[in-house]
Amino acid sequence: MTRYVAFLRAINVGGHTVKMERLRSLFEAMSFANVDTFIASGNVLFDSGARKTEPIERRIEQQLRQALGYEVATFVRALPDLAALVDAHPFGDFAAKGHGLYVGFLKDALTAEQALMVLTHQTPVDQFHVGARELYWLRHGNFSDSAVSVKSLERATGAPFTFRKVTTVRTIATMAR
């Protein structure tokens, strides 16, 4: 069994509300083991005997669409991969400077052209680094200080994302161990 984390998009935003108890029961109904959730933004930890994340993502998306009545983009990472990406972020000691670091989860690696489109969004407020299947976004100041949005990044790349603060990802990686 491998420990996984599913980062769900569109859970408890935009008028969609799903109680974490219901979300856990939906995952248990899919025969995942040791299901747990972390904060109400769609972070689900679970065990599975599956070896690849893509079939897990498709299965979760299909079941949630049927149960909730809307699309829920799902981004699954194995626990060792999650711990490694948190430790390898490219922006050094960002917290000491009062900045926010976010990790955007992707289904697949961005192409060179997509990565270039992301980097054209850099400003004095927003810095980006493209990882394997992640996008790191360092924000200097508040969200209101930036003209960049998740939607603008998705339009530029044609790829869906879901973002989490690196502190949330770090907490999930720690609690999942």
C-alpha atoms as a PDB file:
ATOM      1  CA  MET A   1       0.000   0.000   0.000  1.00  0.00           C
ATOM      2  CA  THR A   2       1.154   3.497  -0.814  1.00  0.00           C
ATOM      3  CA  ARG A   3       0.094   6.669   0.999  1.00  0.00           C
ATOM      4  CA  TYR A   4      -1.294   9.289  -1.384  1.00  0.00           C
ATOM      5  CA  VAL A   5      -2.646  12.807  -1.169  1.00  0.00           C
ATOM      6  CA  ALA A   6      -5.388  14.032  -3.499  1.00  0.00           C
ATOM      7  CA  PHE A   7      -5.532  17.801  -3.984  1.00  0.00           C
ATOM      8  CA  LEU A   8      -9.047  18.579  -5.156  1.00  0.00           C
ATOM      9  CA  ARG A   9     -10.059  21.686  -6.998  1.00  0.00           C
ATOM     10  CA  ALA A  10     -13.477  23.318  -6.591  1.00  0.00           C
ATOM     11  CA  ILE A  11     -14.197  21.910  -3.151  1.00  0.00           C
ATOM     12  CA  ASN A  12     -15.829  24.480  -0.870  1.00  0.00           C
ATOM     13  CA  VAL A  13     -15.418  27.392  -3.272  1.00  0.00           C
ATOM     14  CA  GLY A  14     -17.687  28.980  -5.840  1.00  0.00           C
ATOM     15  CA  GLY A  15     -20.914  27.927  -4.149  1.00  0.00           C
ATOM     16  CA  HIS A  16     -19.937  24.254  -3.893  1.00  0.00           C
ATOM     17  CA  THR A  17     -19.915  22.998  -0.314  1.00  0.00           C
ATOM     18  CA  VAL A  18     -18.855  19.499   0.682  1.00  0.00           C
ATOM     19  CA  LYS A  19     -18.517  18.478   4.314  1.00  0.00           C
ATOM     20  CA  MET A  20     -15.262  16.652   5.018  1.00  0.00           C
ATOM     21  CA  GLU A  21     -17.171  13.721   6.542  1.00  0.00           C
ATOM     22  CA  ARG A  22     -18.987  13.217   3.227  1.00  0.00           C
ATOM     23  CA  LEU A  23     -15.746  13.566   1.273  1.00  0.00           C
ATOM     24  CA  ARG A  24     -14.106  10.898   3.463  1.00  0.00           C
ATOM     25  CA  SER A  25     -17.078   8.566   2.952  1.00  0.00           C
ATOM     26  CA  LEU A  26     -16.916   9.059  -0.830  1.00  0.00           C
ATOM     27  CA  PHE A  27     -13.229   8.066  -0.807  1.00  0.00           C
ATOM     28  CA  GLU A  28     -13.930   5.077   1.448  1.00  0.00           C
ATOM     29  CA  ALA A  29     -16.672   3.980  -0.973  1.00  0.00           C
ATOM     30  CA  MET A  30     -13.945   3.892  -3.660  1.00  0.00           C
ATOM     31  CA  SER A  31     -12.142   1.300  -1.467  1.00  0.00           C
ATOM     32  CA  PHE A  32      -9.333   3.603  -0.405  1.00  0.00           C
ATOM     33  CA  ALA A  33      -7.976   2.861   3.080  1.00  0.00           C
ATOM     34  CA  ASN A  34      -7.028   5.103   6.014  1.00  0.00           C
ATOM     35  CA  VAL A  35      -8.859   8.086   4.525  1.00  0.00           C
ATOM     36  CA  ASP A  36      -8.354  11.429   6.226  1.00  0.00           C
ATOM     37  CA  THR A  37      -8.868  15.062   5.256  1.00  0.00           C
ATOM     38  CA  PHE A  38      -6.945  18.197   6.097  1.00  0.00           C
ATOM     39  CA  ILE A  39      -8.765  21.528   6.254  1.00  0.00           C
ATOM     40  CA  ALA A  40     -11.885  22.035   4.187  1.00  0.00           C
ATOM     41  CA  SER A  41     -10.152  22.975   0.928  1.00  0.00           C
ATOM     42  CA  GLY A  42     -10.032  19.506  -0.617  1.00  0.00           C
ATOM     43  CA  ASN A  43      -6.947  17.746   0.691  1.00  0.00           C
ATOM     44  CA  VAL A  44      -7.551  13.996   1.092  1.00  0.00           C
ATOM     45  CA  LEU A  45      -4.997  11.505   2.375  1.00  0.00           C
ATOM     46  CA  PHE A  46      -5.511   7.813   1.658  1.00  0.00           C
ATOM     47  CA  ASP A  47      -3.810   4.470   1.058  1.00  0.00           C
ATOM     48  CA  SER A  48      -4.071   2.522  -2.179  1.00  0.00           C
ATOM     49  CA  GLY A  49      -2.407  -0.484  -3.747  1.00  0.00           C
ATOM     50  CA  ALA A  50      -2.340   1.303  -7.111  1.00  0.00           C
ATOM     51  CA  ARG A  51       1.108   2.143  -8.453  1.00  0.00           C
ATOM     52  CA  LYS A  52       0.290   5.013 -10.847  1.00  0.00           C
ATOM     53  CA  THR A  53      -1.456   8.276 -10.014  1.00  0.00           C
ATOM     54  CA  GLU A  54      -3.219   8.870 -13.360  1.00  0.00           C
ATOM     55  CA  PRO A  55      -5.767   6.031 -12.977  1.00  0.00           C
ATOM     56  CA  ILE A  56      -6.424   7.115  -9.393  1.00  0.00           C
ATOM     57  CA  GLU A  57      -7.072  10.687 -10.540  1.00  0.00           C
ATOM     58  CA  ARG A  58      -9.490   9.552 -13.245  1.00  0.00           C
ATOM     59  CA  ARG A  59     -11.354   7.275 -10.829  1.00  0.00           C
ATOM     60  CA  ILE A  60     -11.734   9.987  -8.195  1.00  0.00           C
ATOM     61  CA  GLU A  61     -12.857  12.570 -10.770  1.00  0.00           C
ATOM     62  CA  GLN A  62     -15.465  10.206 -12.195  1.00  0.00           C
ATOM     63  CA  GLN A  63     -16.856   9.245  -8.785  1.00  0.00           C
ATOM     64  CA  LEU A  64     -16.940  12.832  -7.495  1.00  0.00           C
ATOM     65  CA  ARG A  65     -18.654  14.049 -10.684  1.00  0.00           C
ATOM     66  CA  GLN A  66     -21.354  11.409 -10.174  1.00  0.00           C
ATOM     67  CA  ALA A  67     -21.737  12.063  -6.439  1.00  0.00           C
ATOM     68  CA  LEU A  68     -21.472  15.870  -6.414  1.00  0.00           C
ATOM     69  CA  GLY A  69     -22.859  16.755  -9.830  1.00  0.00           C
ATOM     70  CA  TYR A  70     -19.910  18.849 -11.002  1.00  0.00           C
ATOM     71  CA  GLU A  71     -16.320  18.437 -12.192  1.00  0.00           C
ATOM     72  CA  VAL A  72     -13.635  18.200  -9.523  1.00  0.00           C
ATOM     73  CA  ALA A  73     -10.146  18.293 -11.024  1.00  0.00           C
ATOM     74  CA  THR A  74      -7.965  15.963  -8.972  1.00  0.00           C
ATOM     75  CA  PHE A  75      -4.196  16.013  -8.578  1.00  0.00           C
ATOM     76  CA  VAL A  76      -2.722  12.983  -6.772  1.00  0.00           C
ATOM     77  CA  ARG A  77       0.788  12.694  -5.376  1.00  0.00           C
ATOM     78  CA  ALA A  78       2.474   9.833  -3.556  1.00  0.00           C
ATOM     79  CA  LEU A  79       3.693  10.856  -0.131  1.00  0.00           C
ATOM     80  CA  PRO A  80       7.447  10.499  -0.928  1.00  0.00           C
ATOM     81  CA  ASP A  81       6.979  12.761  -3.971  1.00  0.00           C
ATOM     82  CA  LEU A  82       5.110  15.328  -1.890  1.00  0.00           C
ATOM     83  CA  ALA A  83       7.792  15.462   0.789  1.00  0.00           C
ATOM     84  CA  ALA A  84      10.510  15.863  -1.854  1.00  0.00           C
ATOM     85  CA  LEU A  85       8.813  18.736  -3.677  1.00  0.00           C
ATOM     86  CA  VAL A  86       8.288  20.690  -0.451  1.00  0.00           C
ATOM     87  CA  ASP A  87      11.962  20.308   0.455  1.00  0.00           C
ATOM     88  CA  ALA A  88      13.121  21.311  -3.027  1.00  0.00           C
ATOM     89  CA  HIS A  89      11.305  24.605  -3.528  1.00  0.00           C
ATOM     90  CA  PRO A  90      13.496  27.100  -5.414  1.00  0.00           C
ATOM     91  CA  PHE A  91      13.000  30.323  -3.448  1.00  0.00           C
ATOM     92  CA  GLY A  92      15.172  29.918  -0.359  1.00  0.00           C
ATOM     93  CA  ASP A  93      14.053  31.568   2.874  1.00  0.00           C
ATOM     94  CA  PHE A  94      10.959  33.279   1.490  1.00  0.00           C
ATOM     95  CA  ALA A  95       9.059  33.261   4.816  1.00  0.00           C
ATOM     96  CA  ALA A  96      11.613  35.445   6.555  1.00  0.00           C
ATOM     97  CA  LYS A  97      10.891  38.148   4.013  1.00  0.00           C
ATOM     98  CA  GLY A  98       7.112  38.014   4.609  1.00  0.00           C
ATOM     99  CA  HIS A  99       6.237  36.560   1.217  1.00  0.00           C
ATOM    100  CA  GLY A 100       3.799  33.794   0.330  1.00  0.00           C
ATOM    101  CA  LEU A 101       4.877  30.667  -1.509  1.00  0.00           C
ATOM    102  CA  TYR A 102       2.268  28.538  -3.270  1.00  0.00           C
ATOM    103  CA  VAL A 103       2.569  25.174  -4.987  1.00  0.00           C
ATOM    104  CA  GLY A 104       0.409  24.610  -8.049  1.00  0.00           C
ATOM    105  CA  PHE A 105      -0.298  20.971  -8.812  1.00  0.00           C
ATOM    106  CA  LEU A 106      -0.586  19.895 -12.448  1.00  0.00           C
ATOM    107  CA  LYS A 107      -1.679  16.668 -14.115  1.00  0.00           C
ATOM    108  CA  ASP A 108       1.348  16.556 -16.424  1.00  0.00           C
ATOM    109  CA  ALA A 109       4.621  18.379 -16.861  1.00  0.00           C
ATOM    110  CA  LEU A 110       4.323  21.640 -18.755  1.00  0.00           C
ATOM    111  CA  THR A 111       5.850  21.727 -22.212  1.00  0.00           C
ATOM    112  CA  ALA A 112       8.672  24.179 -22.855  1.00  0.00           C
ATOM    113  CA  GLU A 113       6.181  26.491 -24.575  1.00  0.00           C
ATOM    114  CA  GLN A 114       3.724  26.323 -21.645  1.00  0.00           C
ATOM    115  CA  ALA A 115       6.530  26.981 -19.157  1.00  0.00           C
ATOM    116  CA  LEU A 116       7.586  30.037 -21.165  1.00  0.00           C
ATOM    117  CA  MET A 117       3.986  31.312 -21.071  1.00  0.00           C
ATOM    118  CA  VAL A 118       4.039  31.057 -17.264  1.00  0.00           C
ATOM    119  CA  LEU A 119       7.341  32.903 -17.026  1.00  0.00           C
ATOM    120  CA  THR A 120       5.973  35.783 -19.133  1.00  0.00           C
ATOM    121  CA  HIS A 121       3.608  36.458 -16.193  1.00  0.00           C
ATOM    122  CA  GLN A 122       6.485  37.312 -13.848  1.00  0.00           C
ATOM    123  CA  THR A 123       6.349  40.764 -12.311  1.00  0.00           C
ATOM    124  CA  PRO A 124       8.089  42.456  -9.402  1.00  0.00           C
ATOM    125  CA  VAL A 125       5.254  41.006  -7.259  1.00  0.00           C
ATOM    126  CA  ASP A 126       5.080  37.503  -8.782  1.00  0.00           C
ATOM    127  CA  GLN A 127       7.893  35.040  -9.401  1.00  0.00           C
ATOM    128  CA  PHE A 128       7.440  31.570 -10.857  1.00  0.00           C
ATOM    129  CA  HIS A 129       9.437  28.384 -11.080  1.00  0.00           C
ATOM    130  CA  VAL A 130       8.285  25.398 -13.125  1.00  0.00           C
ATOM    131  CA  GLY A 131       8.906  22.005 -11.530  1.00  0.00           C
ATOM    132  CA  ALA A 132       8.204  18.473 -12.750  1.00  0.00           C
ATOM    133  CA  ARG A 133       4.411  18.533 -12.303  1.00  0.00           C
ATOM    134  CA  GLU A 134       4.298  21.564 -10.050  1.00  0.00           C
ATOM    135  CA  LEU A 135       4.417  25.300 -10.428  1.00  0.00           C
ATOM    136  CA  TYR A 136       5.920  27.339  -7.606  1.00  0.00           C
ATOM    137  CA  TRP A 137       4.506  30.844  -7.208  1.00  0.00           C
ATOM    138  CA  LEU A 138       6.255  33.301  -4.900  1.00  0.00           C
ATOM    139  CA  ARG A 139       4.129  36.325  -4.134  1.00  0.00           C
ATOM    140  CA  HIS A 140       5.670  39.451  -2.698  1.00  0.00           C
ATOM    141  CA  GLY A 141       2.964  41.110  -0.655  1.00  0.00           C
ATOM    142  CA  ASN A 142      -0.761  40.404  -0.765  1.00  0.00           C
ATOM    143  CA  PHE A 143      -2.905  38.766  -3.443  1.00  0.00           C
ATOM    144  CA  SER A 144      -4.405  42.181  -4.118  1.00  0.00           C
ATOM    145  CA  ASP A 145      -0.940  43.458  -5.102  1.00  0.00           C
ATOM    146  CA  SER A 146      -0.852  41.165  -8.136  1.00  0.00           C
ATOM    147  CA  ALA A 147      -2.521  41.277 -11.522  1.00  0.00           C
ATOM    148  CA  VAL A 148      -1.784  37.557 -12.032  1.00  0.00           C
ATOM    149  CA  SER A 149      -4.527  35.028 -11.339  1.00  0.00           C
ATOM    150  CA  VAL A 150      -4.847  31.270 -11.514  1.00  0.00           C
ATOM    151  CA  LYS A 151      -7.284  31.742 -14.408  1.00  0.00           C
ATOM    152  CA  SER A 152      -4.743  33.827 -16.350  1.00  0.00           C
ATOM    153  CA  LEU A 153      -2.117  31.101 -15.849  1.00  0.00           C
ATOM    154  CA  GLU A 154      -4.572  28.436 -16.986  1.00  0.00           C
ATOM    155  CA  ARG A 155      -5.527  30.434 -20.078  1.00  0.00           C
ATOM    156  CA  ALA A 156      -1.862  30.935 -20.943  1.00  0.00           C
ATOM    157  CA  THR A 157      -0.931  27.273 -20.545  1.00  0.00           C
ATOM    158  CA  GLY A 158      -4.165  25.459 -21.317  1.00  0.00           C
ATOM    159  CA  ALA A 159      -3.494  23.337 -18.220  1.00  0.00           C
ATOM    160  CA  PRO A 160      -5.588  23.142 -15.037  1.00  0.00           C
ATOM    161  CA  PHE A 161      -3.955  23.787 -11.655  1.00  0.00           C
ATOM    162  CA  THR A 162      -4.876  23.753  -8.024  1.00  0.00           C
ATOM    163  CA  PHE A 163      -2.742  25.808  -5.651  1.00  0.00           C
ATOM    164  CA  ARG A 164      -1.915  25.339  -1.978  1.00  0.00           C
ATOM    165  CA  LYS A 165       0.251  27.388   0.346  1.00  0.00           C
ATOM    166  CA  VAL A 166       3.558  25.628   0.863  1.00  0.00           C
ATOM    167  CA  THR A 167       2.887  25.601   4.617  1.00  0.00           C
ATOM    168  CA  THR A 168      -0.283  23.576   3.983  1.00  0.00           C
ATOM    169  CA  VAL A 169       1.593  21.144   1.745  1.00  0.00           C
ATOM    170  CA  ARG A 170       4.388  20.839   4.324  1.00  0.00           C
ATOM    171  CA  THR A 171       1.847  20.114   7.089  1.00  0.00           C
ATOM    172  CA  ILE A 172       0.147  17.444   4.982  1.00  0.00           C
ATOM    173  CA  ALA A 173       3.495  15.811   4.163  1.00  0.00           C
ATOM    174  CA  THR A 174       4.402  15.785   7.857  1.00  0.00           C
ATOM    175  CA  MET A 175       1.067  14.455   9.112  1.00  0.00           C
ATOM    176  CA  ALA A 176       0.940  11.788   6.415  1.00  0.00           C
ATOM    177  CA  ARG A 177       4.242  10.313   7.569  1.00  0.00           C
END
